[in-house]
């Protein structure tokens, strides 16, 4: 959560920042990515955001009140030679309620991950296109 000082600093230009609306994630194969994000992680598609107006295939997935926009487009990033620990790469961080439950899901699916080096409750993994994801447990 933002402190009052940070909130004031973020809005000093009267821009009125509110939140992150969505994060765009590139994928090579939309069905494979949906299998990961929707079927494995359990994110729901936002049916109100069809991609039929865009010149590429994609899907909008709910993450709380924000979204991930999967975009089936060429990825300029290399698939190999990336840091093993996703925290040392460009990554998207998603807050969750229970890291241990996500760990069990990833273990069952055989998906590799690393734990936070700081000891806080967080997991770093990669999606099928090597996009780094961080999942951090927040106390509710």
N, C-alpha and C. Protein backbone atom coordinates (compact mmCIF):
# COMPACT_ATOMS: atom_id res chain seq x y z
N UNK A 1 0.84 -1.18 0.00
CA UNK A 1 0.00 0.00 0.00
C UNK A 1 0.88 1.24 0.00
N UNK A 2 0.40 2.26 -0.66
CA UNK A 2 1.13 3.52 -0.69
C UNK A 2 0.96 4.27 0.61
N UNK A 3 2.04 4.88 1.04
CA UNK A 3 1.94 5.78 2.19
C UNK A 3 1.40 7.11 1.69
N UNK A 4 0.98 7.94 2.61
CA UNK A 4 0.47 9.26 2.21
C UNK A 4 1.54 10.06 1.48
N UNK A 5 2.80 9.94 1.92
CA UNK A 5 3.88 10.68 1.27
C UNK A 5 4.08 10.18 -0.16
N UNK A 6 4.07 8.87 -0.34
CA UNK A 6 4.26 8.31 -1.68
C UNK A 6 3.07 8.66 -2.57
N UNK A 7 1.87 8.61 -2.02
CA UNK A 7 0.68 8.97 -2.78
C UNK A 7 0.75 10.43 -3.22
N UNK A 8 1.16 11.30 -2.33
CA UNK A 8 1.29 12.72 -2.66
C UNK A 8 2.36 12.93 -3.73
N UNK A 9 3.48 12.22 -3.61
CA UNK A 9 4.55 12.36 -4.60
C UNK A 9 4.09 11.87 -5.97
N UNK A 10 3.34 10.78 -6.00
CA UNK A 10 2.86 10.23 -7.27
C UNK A 10 1.87 11.17 -7.95
N UNK A 11 1.22 12.01 -7.19
CA UNK A 11 0.20 12.88 -7.75
C UNK A 11 0.59 14.35 -7.73
N UNK A 12 1.85 14.66 -7.54
CA UNK A 12 2.26 16.07 -7.43
C UNK A 12 2.00 16.85 -8.71
N UNK A 13 1.88 16.19 -9.83
CA UNK A 13 1.60 16.88 -11.09
C UNK A 13 0.12 16.88 -11.44
N UNK A 14 -0.72 16.52 -10.49
CA UNK A 14 -2.17 16.45 -10.71
C UNK A 14 -2.57 15.47 -11.81
N UNK A 15 -1.72 14.49 -12.07
CA UNK A 15 -2.05 13.48 -13.06
C UNK A 15 -3.12 12.55 -12.50
N UNK A 16 -3.04 12.25 -11.22
CA UNK A 16 -4.05 11.41 -10.58
C UNK A 16 -3.87 9.92 -10.85
N UNK A 17 -2.67 9.41 -10.65
CA UNK A 17 -2.44 7.97 -10.83
C UNK A 17 -3.35 7.18 -9.91
N UNK A 18 -3.96 6.12 -10.43
CA UNK A 18 -4.89 5.31 -9.66
C UNK A 18 -4.39 3.89 -9.44
N UNK A 19 -4.03 3.20 -10.50
CA UNK A 19 -3.56 1.82 -10.40
C UNK A 19 -2.98 1.40 -11.74
N UNK A 20 -2.44 0.20 -11.79
CA UNK A 20 -2.02 -0.39 -13.06
C UNK A 20 -3.26 -1.03 -13.66
N UNK A 21 -3.64 -0.64 -14.87
CA UNK A 21 -4.84 -1.16 -15.52
C UNK A 21 -4.62 -2.57 -16.05
N UNK A 22 -3.52 -2.76 -16.79
CA UNK A 22 -3.18 -4.09 -17.28
C UNK A 22 -1.70 -4.16 -17.61
N UNK A 23 -1.24 -5.38 -17.76
CA UNK A 23 0.14 -5.66 -18.16
C UNK A 23 0.06 -6.47 -19.45
N UNK A 24 0.79 -6.07 -20.47
CA UNK A 24 0.82 -6.80 -21.73
C UNK A 24 1.93 -7.85 -21.70
N UNK A 25 1.57 -9.08 -22.04
CA UNK A 25 2.53 -10.19 -22.07
C UNK A 25 2.47 -10.83 -23.45
N UNK A 26 3.64 -10.91 -24.10
CA UNK A 26 3.73 -11.50 -25.43
C UNK A 26 3.76 -13.02 -25.33
N UNK A 27 3.07 -13.66 -26.28
CA UNK A 27 3.08 -15.13 -26.32
C UNK A 27 3.17 -15.59 -27.77
N UNK A 28 3.77 -16.76 -27.95
CA UNK A 28 3.91 -17.34 -29.28
C UNK A 28 2.66 -18.10 -29.69
N UNK A 29 2.01 -18.74 -28.72
CA UNK A 29 0.85 -19.58 -28.99
C UNK A 29 -0.21 -19.28 -27.93
N UNK A 30 -1.30 -18.64 -28.34
CA UNK A 30 -2.32 -18.21 -27.39
C UNK A 30 -2.93 -19.37 -26.62
N UNK A 31 -3.21 -20.48 -27.30
CA UNK A 31 -3.83 -21.62 -26.61
C UNK A 31 -2.91 -22.17 -25.52
N UNK A 32 -1.63 -22.27 -25.82
CA UNK A 32 -0.66 -22.76 -24.82
C UNK A 32 -0.60 -21.80 -23.63
N UNK A 33 -0.60 -20.51 -23.90
CA UNK A 33 -0.57 -19.52 -22.82
C UNK A 33 -1.85 -19.56 -22.00
N UNK A 34 -3.00 -19.71 -22.65
CA UNK A 34 -4.26 -19.81 -21.92
C UNK A 34 -4.28 -21.07 -21.05
N UNK A 35 -3.68 -22.15 -21.54
CA UNK A 35 -3.61 -23.37 -20.73
C UNK A 35 -2.87 -23.08 -19.43
N UNK A 36 -1.81 -22.29 -19.51
CA UNK A 36 -1.02 -21.93 -18.32
C UNK A 36 -1.78 -20.95 -17.43
N UNK A 37 -2.17 -19.82 -17.99
CA UNK A 37 -2.76 -18.75 -17.17
C UNK A 37 -4.19 -19.08 -16.71
N UNK A 38 -4.98 -19.65 -17.59
CA UNK A 38 -6.38 -19.92 -17.25
C UNK A 38 -6.54 -21.28 -16.58
N UNK A 39 -6.05 -22.33 -17.20
CA UNK A 39 -6.29 -23.68 -16.69
C UNK A 39 -5.41 -24.04 -15.50
N UNK A 40 -4.13 -23.66 -15.54
CA UNK A 40 -3.23 -23.99 -14.44
C UNK A 40 -3.37 -23.00 -13.29
N UNK A 41 -3.24 -21.70 -13.59
CA UNK A 41 -3.29 -20.69 -12.53
C UNK A 41 -4.71 -20.33 -12.11
N UNK A 42 -5.68 -20.54 -12.99
CA UNK A 42 -7.07 -20.28 -12.63
C UNK A 42 -7.56 -18.87 -12.90
N UNK A 43 -6.84 -18.10 -13.72
CA UNK A 43 -7.31 -16.75 -14.06
C UNK A 43 -8.49 -16.84 -15.02
N UNK A 44 -9.42 -15.91 -14.88
CA UNK A 44 -10.62 -15.91 -15.72
C UNK A 44 -10.49 -14.90 -16.86
N UNK A 45 -11.03 -15.28 -18.02
CA UNK A 45 -11.02 -14.40 -19.18
C UNK A 45 -12.05 -13.29 -18.98
N UNK A 46 -11.68 -12.08 -19.34
CA UNK A 46 -12.61 -10.96 -19.35
C UNK A 46 -13.31 -10.97 -20.70
N UNK A 47 -14.51 -11.53 -20.73
CA UNK A 47 -15.26 -11.67 -21.98
C UNK A 47 -15.68 -10.32 -22.55
N UNK A 48 -15.70 -9.29 -21.72
CA UNK A 48 -16.10 -7.95 -22.19
C UNK A 48 -15.00 -7.28 -23.00
N UNK A 49 -13.82 -7.89 -23.07
CA UNK A 49 -12.70 -7.30 -23.81
C UNK A 49 -12.30 -8.21 -24.98
N UNK A 50 -13.16 -8.36 -25.98
CA UNK A 50 -12.78 -9.22 -27.12
C UNK A 50 -11.66 -8.57 -27.93
N UNK A 51 -10.85 -9.41 -28.55
CA UNK A 51 -9.72 -8.91 -29.34
C UNK A 51 -10.02 -8.86 -30.83
N UNK A 52 -11.30 -8.93 -31.21
CA UNK A 52 -11.62 -8.94 -32.64
C UNK A 52 -11.35 -7.60 -33.33
N UNK A 53 -11.06 -6.57 -32.56
CA UNK A 53 -10.76 -5.26 -33.14
C UNK A 53 -9.26 -5.04 -33.30
N UNK A 54 -8.47 -5.99 -32.84
CA UNK A 54 -7.01 -5.86 -32.91
C UNK A 54 -6.46 -6.70 -34.05
N UNK A 55 -5.32 -6.32 -34.60
CA UNK A 55 -4.75 -7.07 -35.73
C UNK A 55 -3.95 -8.31 -35.33
N UNK A 56 -4.13 -8.79 -34.11
CA UNK A 56 -3.45 -9.99 -33.64
C UNK A 56 -4.37 -10.70 -32.64
N UNK A 57 -4.07 -11.97 -32.39
CA UNK A 57 -4.87 -12.74 -31.43
C UNK A 57 -4.43 -12.42 -30.01
N UNK A 58 -5.36 -12.52 -29.08
CA UNK A 58 -5.02 -12.26 -27.70
C UNK A 58 -6.17 -12.58 -26.77
N UNK A 59 -5.96 -12.34 -25.49
CA UNK A 59 -6.99 -12.55 -24.47
C UNK A 59 -6.69 -11.66 -23.28
N UNK A 60 -7.75 -11.21 -22.62
CA UNK A 60 -7.65 -10.40 -21.41
C UNK A 60 -8.02 -11.28 -20.23
N UNK A 61 -7.16 -11.36 -19.23
CA UNK A 61 -7.39 -12.20 -18.06
C UNK A 61 -7.44 -11.33 -16.81
N UNK A 62 -8.43 -11.60 -15.97
CA UNK A 62 -8.57 -10.85 -14.72
C UNK A 62 -7.53 -11.28 -13.70
N UNK A 63 -6.91 -10.31 -13.06
CA UNK A 63 -6.05 -10.51 -11.89
C UNK A 63 -6.57 -9.51 -10.87
N UNK A 64 -7.50 -9.94 -10.02
CA UNK A 64 -8.17 -9.00 -9.13
C UNK A 64 -8.96 -8.02 -9.98
N UNK A 65 -8.76 -6.73 -9.77
CA UNK A 65 -9.46 -5.72 -10.58
C UNK A 65 -8.61 -5.23 -11.75
N UNK A 66 -7.41 -5.78 -11.91
CA UNK A 66 -6.55 -5.45 -13.03
C UNK A 66 -6.52 -6.63 -14.01
N UNK A 67 -5.79 -6.48 -15.11
CA UNK A 67 -5.79 -7.53 -16.12
C UNK A 67 -4.39 -7.80 -16.67
N UNK A 68 -4.25 -9.00 -17.23
CA UNK A 68 -3.12 -9.36 -18.07
C UNK A 68 -3.67 -9.42 -19.48
N UNK A 69 -2.98 -8.78 -20.42
CA UNK A 69 -3.37 -8.87 -21.83
C UNK A 69 -2.36 -9.77 -22.53
N UNK A 70 -2.78 -11.00 -22.83
CA UNK A 70 -1.94 -11.90 -23.61
C UNK A 70 -2.03 -11.48 -25.07
N UNK A 71 -0.88 -11.32 -25.71
CA UNK A 71 -0.84 -10.89 -27.10
C UNK A 71 0.01 -11.86 -27.91
N UNK A 72 -0.61 -12.51 -28.89
CA UNK A 72 0.11 -13.46 -29.73
C UNK A 72 0.88 -12.67 -30.80
N UNK A 73 2.09 -12.29 -30.43
CA UNK A 73 2.96 -11.48 -31.28
C UNK A 73 4.40 -11.98 -31.14
N UNK A 74 5.24 -11.71 -32.14
CA UNK A 74 6.65 -12.12 -32.01
C UNK A 74 7.30 -11.47 -30.79
N UNK A 75 8.07 -12.26 -30.07
CA UNK A 75 8.74 -11.76 -28.87
C UNK A 75 10.20 -11.44 -29.21
N UNK A 76 10.62 -10.19 -29.02
CA UNK A 76 12.01 -9.84 -29.34
C UNK A 76 13.02 -10.35 -28.32
N UNK A 77 12.55 -10.84 -27.17
CA UNK A 77 13.46 -11.33 -26.13
C UNK A 77 13.91 -12.76 -26.43
N UNK A 78 15.16 -13.08 -26.14
CA UNK A 78 15.63 -14.46 -26.35
C UNK A 78 14.96 -15.42 -25.36
N UNK A 79 14.74 -16.64 -25.81
CA UNK A 79 14.15 -17.65 -24.93
C UNK A 79 15.20 -18.33 -24.06
N UNK A 80 16.45 -18.28 -24.49
CA UNK A 80 17.52 -18.91 -23.72
C UNK A 80 18.48 -17.84 -23.22
N UNK A 81 19.30 -18.22 -22.25
CA UNK A 81 20.28 -17.30 -21.71
C UNK A 81 19.71 -16.29 -20.74
N UNK A 82 18.49 -16.50 -20.30
CA UNK A 82 17.85 -15.59 -19.35
C UNK A 82 18.27 -16.00 -17.94
N UNK A 83 18.22 -15.09 -16.98
CA UNK A 83 18.58 -15.45 -15.60
C UNK A 83 17.68 -16.57 -15.07
N UNK A 84 18.27 -17.50 -14.32
CA UNK A 84 17.47 -18.58 -13.75
C UNK A 84 16.42 -18.03 -12.79
N UNK A 85 16.83 -17.06 -11.99
CA UNK A 85 15.92 -16.45 -11.02
C UNK A 85 15.20 -15.28 -11.69
N UNK A 86 13.88 -15.39 -11.84
CA UNK A 86 13.10 -14.38 -12.53
C UNK A 86 13.17 -13.00 -11.94
N UNK A 87 13.56 -12.90 -10.66
CA UNK A 87 13.69 -11.59 -10.03
C UNK A 87 14.84 -10.77 -10.58
N UNK A 88 15.69 -11.42 -11.37
CA UNK A 88 16.82 -10.70 -11.99
C UNK A 88 16.57 -10.46 -13.47
N UNK A 89 15.31 -10.55 -13.87
CA UNK A 89 14.89 -10.35 -15.25
C UNK A 89 13.67 -9.43 -15.22
N UNK A 90 13.29 -8.88 -16.36
CA UNK A 90 12.02 -8.15 -16.40
C UNK A 90 10.94 -9.11 -15.95
N UNK A 91 10.07 -8.66 -15.07
CA UNK A 91 9.04 -9.57 -14.59
C UNK A 91 7.78 -8.81 -14.19
N UNK A 92 6.69 -9.55 -14.15
CA UNK A 92 5.41 -9.04 -13.67
C UNK A 92 5.19 -9.64 -12.29
N UNK A 93 4.84 -8.81 -11.32
CA UNK A 93 4.61 -9.28 -9.95
C UNK A 93 3.12 -9.24 -9.65
N UNK A 94 2.60 -10.37 -9.18
CA UNK A 94 1.19 -10.51 -8.86
C UNK A 94 1.06 -10.88 -7.39
N UNK A 95 0.23 -10.16 -6.66
CA UNK A 95 0.04 -10.49 -5.25
C UNK A 95 -1.01 -11.58 -5.13
N UNK A 96 -0.74 -12.53 -4.22
CA UNK A 96 -1.65 -13.65 -3.98
C UNK A 96 -1.84 -13.84 -2.48
N UNK A 97 -2.81 -14.68 -2.13
CA UNK A 97 -3.11 -14.92 -0.72
C UNK A 97 -2.24 -16.00 -0.10
N UNK A 98 -1.84 -17.02 -0.90
CA UNK A 98 -1.17 -18.18 -0.31
C UNK A 98 -0.11 -18.75 -1.25
N UNK A 99 1.14 -18.44 -0.98
CA UNK A 99 2.25 -18.94 -1.79
C UNK A 99 2.33 -20.46 -1.73
N UNK A 100 2.03 -21.06 -0.59
CA UNK A 100 2.15 -22.52 -0.47
C UNK A 100 1.18 -23.23 -1.41
N UNK A 101 0.00 -22.67 -1.63
CA UNK A 101 -0.95 -23.30 -2.57
C UNK A 101 -0.45 -23.19 -4.00
N UNK A 102 0.13 -22.06 -4.37
CA UNK A 102 0.70 -21.93 -5.71
C UNK A 102 1.88 -22.88 -5.88
N UNK A 103 2.70 -23.00 -4.86
CA UNK A 103 3.84 -23.93 -4.90
C UNK A 103 3.35 -25.35 -5.19
N UNK A 104 2.26 -25.76 -4.55
CA UNK A 104 1.70 -27.10 -4.77
C UNK A 104 1.21 -27.26 -6.22
N UNK A 105 0.59 -26.23 -6.77
CA UNK A 105 0.11 -26.27 -8.16
C UNK A 105 1.29 -26.41 -9.12
N UNK A 106 2.33 -25.62 -8.91
CA UNK A 106 3.50 -25.67 -9.78
C UNK A 106 4.23 -27.01 -9.64
N UNK A 107 4.35 -27.51 -8.41
CA UNK A 107 4.99 -28.82 -8.19
C UNK A 107 4.23 -29.92 -8.93
N UNK A 108 2.91 -29.93 -8.81
CA UNK A 108 2.09 -30.96 -9.45
C UNK A 108 2.24 -30.91 -10.97
N UNK A 109 2.36 -29.71 -11.53
CA UNK A 109 2.50 -29.55 -12.97
C UNK A 109 3.94 -29.70 -13.45
N UNK A 110 4.89 -29.84 -12.52
CA UNK A 110 6.29 -29.99 -12.89
C UNK A 110 6.91 -28.71 -13.44
N UNK A 111 6.39 -27.58 -13.02
CA UNK A 111 6.90 -26.29 -13.50
C UNK A 111 7.96 -25.79 -12.52
N UNK A 112 9.16 -25.51 -13.02
CA UNK A 112 10.23 -25.04 -12.12
C UNK A 112 9.97 -23.63 -11.61
N UNK A 113 10.51 -23.35 -10.44
CA UNK A 113 10.38 -22.03 -9.83
C UNK A 113 11.54 -21.84 -8.87
N UNK A 114 11.73 -20.61 -8.46
CA UNK A 114 12.68 -20.31 -7.39
C UNK A 114 11.93 -19.51 -6.34
N UNK A 115 12.41 -19.62 -5.12
CA UNK A 115 11.82 -18.86 -4.02
C UNK A 115 12.56 -17.54 -3.88
N UNK A 116 11.93 -16.59 -3.24
CA UNK A 116 12.55 -15.29 -3.04
C UNK A 116 13.85 -15.46 -2.27
N UNK A 117 14.89 -14.79 -2.74
CA UNK A 117 16.20 -14.85 -2.09
C UNK A 117 16.19 -14.11 -0.74
N UNK A 118 15.20 -13.24 -0.53
CA UNK A 118 15.14 -12.46 0.71
C UNK A 118 14.44 -13.21 1.84
N UNK A 119 13.82 -14.34 1.51
CA UNK A 119 13.10 -15.10 2.53
C UNK A 119 11.64 -14.71 2.68
N UNK A 120 11.22 -13.67 1.97
CA UNK A 120 9.80 -13.30 2.04
C UNK A 120 8.97 -14.32 1.27
N UNK A 121 7.68 -14.43 1.52
CA UNK A 121 6.86 -15.43 0.83
C UNK A 121 6.58 -15.02 -0.62
N UNK A 122 7.46 -15.46 -1.51
CA UNK A 122 7.33 -15.14 -2.93
C UNK A 122 7.94 -16.25 -3.78
N UNK A 123 7.34 -16.47 -4.94
CA UNK A 123 7.80 -17.48 -5.90
C UNK A 123 8.03 -16.80 -7.24
N UNK A 124 9.11 -17.17 -7.91
CA UNK A 124 9.40 -16.70 -9.26
C UNK A 124 9.32 -17.91 -10.19
N UNK A 125 8.63 -17.75 -11.31
CA UNK A 125 8.54 -18.81 -12.30
C UNK A 125 8.46 -18.15 -13.67
N UNK A 126 8.36 -18.97 -14.70
CA UNK A 126 8.23 -18.46 -16.06
C UNK A 126 7.03 -19.12 -16.74
N UNK A 127 6.39 -18.36 -17.61
CA UNK A 127 5.28 -18.92 -18.37
C UNK A 127 5.86 -19.70 -19.55
N UNK A 128 5.03 -20.31 -20.40
CA UNK A 128 5.56 -21.11 -21.51
C UNK A 128 6.44 -20.34 -22.50
N UNK A 129 6.37 -19.01 -22.48
CA UNK A 129 7.19 -18.20 -23.38
C UNK A 129 8.37 -17.55 -22.67
N UNK A 130 8.71 -18.05 -21.50
CA UNK A 130 9.86 -17.59 -20.70
C UNK A 130 9.67 -16.20 -20.11
N UNK A 131 8.42 -15.69 -20.09
CA UNK A 131 8.15 -14.44 -19.40
C UNK A 131 8.23 -14.70 -17.90
N UNK A 132 9.02 -13.88 -17.19
CA UNK A 132 9.21 -14.08 -15.75
C UNK A 132 8.00 -13.53 -14.99
N UNK A 133 7.56 -14.31 -14.01
CA UNK A 133 6.43 -13.94 -13.15
C UNK A 133 6.85 -14.07 -11.70
N UNK A 134 6.49 -13.10 -10.91
CA UNK A 134 6.69 -13.16 -9.46
C UNK A 134 5.31 -13.19 -8.82
N UNK A 135 5.15 -14.07 -7.85
CA UNK A 135 3.92 -14.14 -7.06
C UNK A 135 4.31 -13.91 -5.62
N UNK A 136 3.79 -12.84 -5.03
CA UNK A 136 4.15 -12.48 -3.66
C UNK A 136 2.92 -12.56 -2.78
N UNK A 137 3.10 -13.19 -1.63
CA UNK A 137 2.00 -13.32 -0.67
C UNK A 137 1.89 -12.05 0.15
N UNK A 138 0.69 -11.48 0.15
CA UNK A 138 0.43 -10.29 0.96
C UNK A 138 -0.48 -10.66 2.11
N UNK A 139 -0.17 -10.15 3.27
CA UNK A 139 -1.04 -10.38 4.42
C UNK A 139 -2.33 -9.61 4.21
N UNK A 140 -3.45 -10.30 4.47
CA UNK A 140 -4.73 -9.61 4.29
C UNK A 140 -5.27 -9.06 5.57
